Amino acid sequence: MYELAIRHCCRRPVVSIALRGTDLPFDITTERAISFTDDMLGVRELAAALRPAIEAALAESAPDNPVYRVRESQVMREVLKTDRDQFILNRFDRLENAVQQVVNAAALSRRSGLDRDLLRDVYVAVSTRPELQGYRSMTISETADTIVFGAMSPAGRFNAAIVVPPDWRTWSRGQVMAEIAHPLGDALRKEAERFPPFPDRDE
């Protein structure tokens, strides 16, 4: 994903491919991607799908991506000066953040199993904390023994992580909230102290 982020930062054309059935990271869930199967037939199908996708990507005069949208939003803030414009911009920010939360929650819902339901609950519990409402593009991911929660600020992206035991998926929802969601939210809030939120000027 590091190479993809570099392409996004430089606003260069991108065609993403993923093995069919792969759950894409939250940041690029809504981005264009070609699915393929890992067999001989899949190789031929992928080759046929790649050509038009590459041609379409190269034809875009201004490629769009999550990183550029955040940067463009920041530029708009620097250009717009009136209270009315700031009010409208802030409303759009809130709408975009709400849509992103819905997309992320839906992506988690599509994954089967109790652990995914619990992970979705952790995401909702952390992302809706009042002290974190000034941040955008919130994501959650899980490795073998760690749950990582990330958020975007005007100064850049920051993360918080919590180590979880192997049997956490067997816990009750209350235990997950108490021992994972709340500590993870506290850790993210503490990390956020170094990253000012997007301004809110419509009070």
C-alpha atoms as a PDB file:
ATOM      1  CA  MET A   1       0.000   0.000   0.000  1.00  0.00           C
ATOM      2  CA  TYR A   2       3.015   2.304   0.382  1.00  0.00           C
ATOM      3  CA  GLU A   3       3.446   2.527  -3.397  1.00  0.00           C
ATOM      4  CA  LEU A   4      -0.270   3.255  -3.832  1.00  0.00           C
ATOM      5  CA  ALA A   5      -0.031   6.109  -1.319  1.00  0.00           C
ATOM      6  CA  ILE A   6       2.916   7.588  -3.239  1.00  0.00           C
ATOM      7  CA  ARG A   7       0.899   7.518  -6.466  1.00  0.00           C
ATOM      8  CA  HIS A   8      -2.018   9.160  -4.684  1.00  0.00           C
ATOM      9  CA  CYS A   9       0.199  11.890  -3.203  1.00  0.00           C
ATOM     10  CA  CYS A  10       1.626  12.657  -6.658  1.00  0.00           C
ATOM     11  CA  ARG A  11      -1.867  12.460  -8.189  1.00  0.00           C
ATOM     12  CA  ARG A  12      -0.737   9.919 -10.750  1.00  0.00           C
ATOM     13  CA  PRO A  13      -3.095   7.481 -12.547  1.00  0.00           C
ATOM     14  CA  VAL A  14      -3.719   4.226 -10.682  1.00  0.00           C
ATOM     15  CA  VAL A  15      -5.299   0.906 -11.552  1.00  0.00           C
ATOM     16  CA  SER A  16      -5.622  -1.322  -8.493  1.00  0.00           C
ATOM     17  CA  ILE A  17      -5.994  -5.097  -8.735  1.00  0.00           C
ATOM     18  CA  ALA A  18      -6.926  -7.508  -5.966  1.00  0.00           C
ATOM     19  CA  LEU A  19      -7.437 -11.231  -5.621  1.00  0.00           C
ATOM     20  CA  ARG A  20     -11.163 -11.935  -5.787  1.00  0.00           C
ATOM     21  CA  GLY A  21     -12.651 -12.040  -2.298  1.00  0.00           C
ATOM     22  CA  THR A  22     -10.027  -9.698  -0.828  1.00  0.00           C
ATOM     23  CA  ASP A  23     -11.325  -7.109   1.636  1.00  0.00           C
ATOM     24  CA  LEU A  24      -9.804  -3.821   0.530  1.00  0.00           C
ATOM     25  CA  PRO A  25      -8.530  -1.366   3.189  1.00  0.00           C
ATOM     26  CA  PHE A  26     -11.132   1.158   4.271  1.00  0.00           C
ATOM     27  CA  ASP A  27      -9.318   4.102   2.707  1.00  0.00           C
ATOM     28  CA  ILE A  28      -9.770   2.664  -0.793  1.00  0.00           C
ATOM     29  CA  THR A  29     -12.996   0.680  -0.361  1.00  0.00           C
ATOM     30  CA  THR A  30     -14.831   2.968  -2.771  1.00  0.00           C
ATOM     31  CA  GLU A  31     -11.947   3.298  -5.243  1.00  0.00           C
ATOM     32  CA  ARG A  32     -11.794   1.492  -8.603  1.00  0.00           C
ATOM     33  CA  ALA A  33     -10.253  -1.996  -8.411  1.00  0.00           C
ATOM     34  CA  ILE A  34     -10.165  -5.048 -10.693  1.00  0.00           C
ATOM     35  CA  SER A  35     -10.791  -8.440  -9.077  1.00  0.00           C
ATOM     36  CA  PHE A  36      -9.126 -11.560 -10.463  1.00  0.00           C
ATOM     37  CA  THR A  37      -8.807 -15.264  -9.722  1.00  0.00           C
ATOM     38  CA  ASP A  38      -5.407 -16.889  -9.221  1.00  0.00           C
ATOM     39  CA  ASP A  39      -5.538 -19.398 -12.079  1.00  0.00           C
ATOM     40  CA  MET A  40      -4.822 -19.578 -15.799  1.00  0.00           C
ATOM     41  CA  LEU A  41      -8.289 -18.410 -16.777  1.00  0.00           C
ATOM     42  CA  GLY A  42      -8.039 -15.586 -14.272  1.00  0.00           C
ATOM     43  CA  VAL A  43      -4.792 -14.393 -15.859  1.00  0.00           C
ATOM     44  CA  ARG A  44      -6.455 -14.125 -19.267  1.00  0.00           C
ATOM     45  CA  GLU A  45      -9.489 -12.354 -17.813  1.00  0.00           C
ATOM     46  CA  LEU A  46      -7.256  -9.946 -15.914  1.00  0.00           C
ATOM     47  CA  ALA A  47      -5.219  -9.141 -19.034  1.00  0.00           C
ATOM     48  CA  ALA A  48      -8.404  -8.359 -20.958  1.00  0.00           C
ATOM     49  CA  ALA A  49      -9.735  -6.108 -18.168  1.00  0.00           C
ATOM     50  CA  LEU A  50      -6.450  -4.283 -17.592  1.00  0.00           C
ATOM     51  CA  ARG A  51      -6.105  -2.683 -21.031  1.00  0.00           C
ATOM     52  CA  PRO A  52      -9.340  -0.615 -20.954  1.00  0.00           C
ATOM     53  CA  ALA A  53      -8.801   0.198 -17.278  1.00  0.00           C
ATOM     54  CA  ILE A  54      -5.280   1.503 -17.953  1.00  0.00           C
ATOM     55  CA  GLU A  55      -6.453   3.483 -20.964  1.00  0.00           C
ATOM     56  CA  ALA A  56      -9.257   5.043 -18.920  1.00  0.00           C
ATOM     57  CA  ALA A  57      -6.872   5.897 -16.071  1.00  0.00           C
ATOM     58  CA  LEU A  58      -4.369   7.505 -18.433  1.00  0.00           C
ATOM     59  CA  ALA A  59      -7.140   9.484 -20.109  1.00  0.00           C
ATOM     60  CA  GLU A  60      -8.110  11.196 -16.853  1.00  0.00           C
ATOM     61  CA  SER A  61      -6.707  14.718 -16.864  1.00  0.00           C
ATOM     62  CA  ALA A  62      -7.151  15.091 -13.095  1.00  0.00           C
ATOM     63  CA  PRO A  63      -7.099  11.700 -11.289  1.00  0.00           C
ATOM     64  CA  ASP A  64      -9.095  11.671  -8.068  1.00  0.00           C
ATOM     65  CA  ASN A  65      -8.068   9.842  -4.883  1.00  0.00           C
ATOM     66  CA  PRO A  66      -8.538  10.038  -1.070  1.00  0.00           C
ATOM     67  CA  VAL A  67      -5.230  11.833  -0.446  1.00  0.00           C
ATOM     68  CA  TYR A  68      -5.891  14.515  -3.053  1.00  0.00           C
ATOM     69  CA  ARG A  69      -9.420  15.098  -1.752  1.00  0.00           C
ATOM     70  CA  VAL A  70      -8.041  15.889   1.711  1.00  0.00           C
ATOM     71  CA  ARG A  71      -5.430  18.227   0.225  1.00  0.00           C
ATOM     72  CA  GLU A  72      -8.023  19.919  -1.982  1.00  0.00           C
ATOM     73  CA  SER A  73     -10.225  20.455   1.055  1.00  0.00           C
ATOM     74  CA  GLN A  74      -7.335  22.142   2.839  1.00  0.00           C
ATOM     75  CA  VAL A  75      -6.694  24.416  -0.146  1.00  0.00           C
ATOM     76  CA  MET A  76     -10.362  25.380  -0.183  1.00  0.00           C
ATOM     77  CA  ARG A  77     -10.050  26.378   3.457  1.00  0.00           C
ATOM     78  CA  GLU A  78      -7.164  28.665   2.638  1.00  0.00           C
ATOM     79  CA  VAL A  79      -9.041  30.283  -0.243  1.00  0.00           C
ATOM     80  CA  LEU A  80     -12.477  30.690   1.293  1.00  0.00           C
ATOM     81  CA  LYS A  81     -12.603  33.604   3.710  1.00  0.00           C
ATOM     82  CA  THR A  82     -16.192  34.640   4.402  1.00  0.00           C
ATOM     83  CA  ASP A  83     -18.216  33.235   7.289  1.00  0.00           C
ATOM     84  CA  ARG A  84     -20.846  31.969   4.869  1.00  0.00           C
ATOM     85  CA  ASP A  85     -18.311  30.061   2.805  1.00  0.00           C
ATOM     86  CA  GLN A  86     -16.709  28.584   5.915  1.00  0.00           C
ATOM     87  CA  PHE A  87     -20.132  27.531   7.162  1.00  0.00           C
ATOM     88  CA  ILE A  88     -20.931  25.736   3.889  1.00  0.00           C
ATOM     89  CA  LEU A  89     -17.494  24.113   3.775  1.00  0.00           C
ATOM     90  CA  ASN A  90     -17.855  22.846   7.321  1.00  0.00           C
ATOM     91  CA  ARG A  91     -21.220  21.325   6.491  1.00  0.00           C
ATOM     92  CA  PHE A  92     -19.698  19.500   3.540  1.00  0.00           C
ATOM     93  CA  ASP A  93     -16.914  18.225   5.815  1.00  0.00           C
ATOM     94  CA  ARG A  94     -19.451  16.798   8.223  1.00  0.00           C
ATOM     95  CA  LEU A  95     -21.402  15.187   5.395  1.00  0.00           C
ATOM     96  CA  GLU A  96     -18.256  13.621   3.912  1.00  0.00           C
ATOM     97  CA  ASN A  97     -17.209  12.284   7.315  1.00  0.00           C
ATOM     98  CA  ALA A  98     -20.673  10.811   7.902  1.00  0.00           C
ATOM     99  CA  VAL A  99     -20.661   9.138   4.485  1.00  0.00           C
ATOM    100  CA  GLN A 100     -17.189   7.714   5.129  1.00  0.00           C
ATOM    101  CA  GLN A 101     -18.354   6.248   8.445  1.00  0.00           C
ATOM    102  CA  VAL A 102     -21.315   4.605   6.696  1.00  0.00           C
ATOM    103  CA  VAL A 103     -19.028   3.180   3.985  1.00  0.00           C
ATOM    104  CA  ASN A 104     -16.595   1.819   6.565  1.00  0.00           C
ATOM    105  CA  ALA A 105     -19.352   0.296   8.675  1.00  0.00           C
ATOM    106  CA  ALA A 106     -20.928  -1.269   5.579  1.00  0.00           C
ATOM    107  CA  ALA A 107     -17.583  -2.742   4.550  1.00  0.00           C
ATOM    108  CA  LEU A 108     -17.274  -4.347   7.964  1.00  0.00           C
ATOM    109  CA  SER A 109     -20.855  -5.617   7.797  1.00  0.00           C
ATOM    110  CA  ARG A 110     -20.135  -7.440   4.552  1.00  0.00           C
ATOM    111  CA  ARG A 111     -17.547  -9.582   6.288  1.00  0.00           C
ATOM    112  CA  SER A 112     -19.003 -12.666   7.928  1.00  0.00           C
ATOM    113  CA  GLY A 113     -18.429 -13.943  11.433  1.00  0.00           C
ATOM    114  CA  LEU A 114     -18.904 -12.779  15.001  1.00  0.00           C
ATOM    115  CA  ASP A 115     -15.446 -11.203  15.159  1.00  0.00           C
ATOM    116  CA  ARG A 116     -16.316  -8.881  12.252  1.00  0.00           C
ATOM    117  CA  ASP A 117     -19.543  -7.825  13.971  1.00  0.00           C
ATOM    118  CA  LEU A 118     -17.570  -7.045  17.097  1.00  0.00           C
ATOM    119  CA  LEU A 119     -14.940  -5.168  15.096  1.00  0.00           C
ATOM    120  CA  ARG A 120     -17.713  -3.095  13.545  1.00  0.00           C
ATOM    121  CA  ASP A 121     -19.025  -2.324  17.030  1.00  0.00           C
ATOM    122  CA  VAL A 122     -15.555  -1.174  18.084  1.00  0.00           C
ATOM    123  CA  TYR A 123     -15.352   1.082  15.030  1.00  0.00           C
ATOM    124  CA  VAL A 124     -18.737   2.681  15.740  1.00  0.00           C
ATOM    125  CA  ALA A 125     -17.942   3.170  19.437  1.00  0.00           C
ATOM    126  CA  VAL A 126     -14.626   4.913  18.726  1.00  0.00           C
ATOM    127  CA  SER A 127     -15.635   6.927  15.639  1.00  0.00           C
ATOM    128  CA  THR A 128     -18.683   8.453  17.348  1.00  0.00           C
ATOM    129  CA  ARG A 129     -16.853   9.723  20.424  1.00  0.00           C
ATOM    130  CA  PRO A 130     -17.611  13.474  20.712  1.00  0.00           C
ATOM    131  CA  GLU A 131     -13.963  14.455  21.198  1.00  0.00           C
ATOM    132  CA  LEU A 132     -13.032  12.785  17.901  1.00  0.00           C
ATOM    133  CA  GLN A 133     -15.719  14.365  15.707  1.00  0.00           C
ATOM    134  CA  GLY A 134     -13.323  16.920  14.228  1.00  0.00           C
ATOM    135  CA  TYR A 135     -11.357  14.212  12.404  1.00  0.00           C
ATOM    136  CA  ARG A 136     -12.049  12.478   9.108  1.00  0.00           C
ATOM    137  CA  SER A 137     -11.433   9.278   7.120  1.00  0.00           C
ATOM    138  CA  MET A 138     -11.500   7.047  10.200  1.00  0.00           C
ATOM    139  CA  THR A 139     -10.426   3.435   9.653  1.00  0.00           C
ATOM    140  CA  ILE A 140     -10.030   0.267  11.673  1.00  0.00           C
ATOM    141  CA  SER A 141      -7.951  -2.805  10.864  1.00  0.00           C
ATOM    142  CA  GLU A 142      -6.958  -6.034  12.592  1.00  0.00           C
ATOM    143  CA  THR A 143      -3.785  -8.109  12.544  1.00  0.00           C
ATOM    144  CA  ALA A 144      -3.046 -11.326  14.411  1.00  0.00           C
ATOM    145  CA  ASP A 145      -2.859  -9.670  17.840  1.00  0.00           C
ATOM    146  CA  THR A 146      -3.488  -5.954  17.307  1.00  0.00           C
ATOM    147  CA  ILE A 147      -6.396  -3.668  16.428  1.00  0.00           C
ATOM    148  CA  VAL A 148      -5.385  -0.366  14.839  1.00  0.00           C
ATOM    149  CA  PHE A 149      -7.614   2.691  14.525  1.00  0.00           C
ATOM    150  CA  GLY A 150      -6.626   5.602  12.289  1.00  0.00           C
ATOM    151  CA  ALA A 151      -7.956   9.089  11.574  1.00  0.00           C
ATOM    152  CA  MET A 152      -7.084  12.048   9.368  1.00  0.00           C
ATOM    153  CA  SER A 153      -6.345  15.589  10.561  1.00  0.00           C
ATOM    154  CA  PRO A 154      -5.297  18.665   8.559  1.00  0.00           C
ATOM    155  CA  ALA A 155      -1.710  17.936   9.642  1.00  0.00           C
ATOM    156  CA  GLY A 156      -1.780  14.322   8.494  1.00  0.00           C
ATOM    157  CA  ARG A 157      -2.860  10.831   9.517  1.00  0.00           C
ATOM    158  CA  PHE A 158      -2.408   9.388  12.998  1.00  0.00           C
ATOM    159  CA  ASN A 159      -3.120   5.995  14.553  1.00  0.00           C
ATOM    160  CA  ALA A 160      -3.614   4.260  17.869  1.00  0.00           C
ATOM    161  CA  ALA A 161      -3.297   0.533  18.492  1.00  0.00           C
ATOM    162  CA  ILE A 162      -4.209  -1.939  21.206  1.00  0.00           C
ATOM    163  CA  VAL A 163      -2.946  -5.490  21.640  1.00  0.00           C
ATOM    164  CA  VAL A 164      -5.724  -8.062  21.957  1.00  0.00           C
ATOM    165  CA  PRO A 165      -5.583 -11.678  23.195  1.00  0.00           C
ATOM    166  CA  PRO A 166      -6.206 -14.553  20.769  1.00  0.00           C
ATOM    167  CA  ASP A 167      -9.621 -15.330  22.291  1.00  0.00           C
ATOM    168  CA  TRP A 168     -11.073 -11.811  22.154  1.00  0.00           C
ATOM    169  CA  ARG A 169     -13.573 -12.894  19.497  1.00  0.00           C
ATOM    170  CA  THR A 170     -15.301 -15.096  22.067  1.00  0.00           C
ATOM    171  CA  TRP A 171     -15.924 -12.173  24.428  1.00  0.00           C
ATOM    172  CA  SER A 172     -19.307 -10.629  25.018  1.00  0.00           C
ATOM    173  CA  ARG A 173     -20.017  -7.261  23.433  1.00  0.00           C
ATOM    174  CA  GLY A 174     -19.866  -5.597  26.855  1.00  0.00           C
ATOM    175  CA  GLN A 175     -16.397  -7.000  27.499  1.00  0.00           C
ATOM    176  CA  VAL A 176     -15.237  -5.903  24.043  1.00  0.00           C
ATOM    177  CA  MET A 177     -16.489  -2.372  24.707  1.00  0.00           C
ATOM    178  CA  ALA A 178     -14.850  -2.227  28.141  1.00  0.00           C
ATOM    179  CA  GLU A 179     -11.496  -3.816  27.307  1.00  0.00           C
ATOM    180  CA  ILE A 180     -10.987  -2.848  23.662  1.00  0.00           C
ATOM    181  CA  ALA A 181     -13.226  -0.035  22.405  1.00  0.00           C
ATOM    182  CA  HIS A 182     -12.884   2.300  25.378  1.00  0.00           C
ATOM    183  CA  PRO A 183      -9.083   1.919  25.820  1.00  0.00           C
ATOM    184  CA  LEU A 184      -8.600   2.214  22.060  1.00  0.00           C
ATOM    185  CA  GLY A 185     -10.714   5.360  21.981  1.00  0.00           C
ATOM    186  CA  ASP A 186      -8.732   6.828  24.891  1.00  0.00           C
ATOM    187  CA  ALA A 187      -5.453   6.031  23.138  1.00  0.00           C
ATOM    188  CA  LEU A 188      -6.662   7.650  19.908  1.00  0.00           C
ATOM    189  CA  ARG A 189      -7.862  10.736  21.798  1.00  0.00           C
ATOM    190  CA  LYS A 190      -4.474  11.059  23.478  1.00  0.00           C
ATOM    191  CA  GLU A 191      -2.726  10.696  20.121  1.00  0.00           C
ATOM    192  CA  ALA A 192      -5.096  13.303  18.645  1.00  0.00           C
ATOM    193  CA  GLU A 193      -3.775  15.903  21.103  1.00  0.00           C
ATOM    194  CA  ARG A 194      -0.768  16.249  18.769  1.00  0.00           C
ATOM    195  CA  PHE A 195      -2.997  16.650  15.701  1.00  0.00           C
ATOM    196  CA  PRO A 196      -5.484  19.559  15.673  1.00  0.00           C
ATOM    197  CA  PRO A 197      -8.887  18.654  14.197  1.00  0.00           C
ATOM    198  CA  PHE A 198     -10.467  20.213  11.159  1.00  0.00           C
ATOM    199  CA  PRO A 199     -11.889  23.588  12.209  1.00  0.00           C
ATOM    200  CA  ASP A 200     -15.535  23.976  13.074  1.00  0.00           C
ATOM    201  CA  ARG A 201     -16.706  27.526  12.482  1.00  0.00           C
ATOM    202  CA  ASP A 202     -20.462  27.270  12.325  1.00  0.00           C
ATOM    203  CA  GLU A 203     -21.176  27.440  16.045  1.00  0.00           C
END
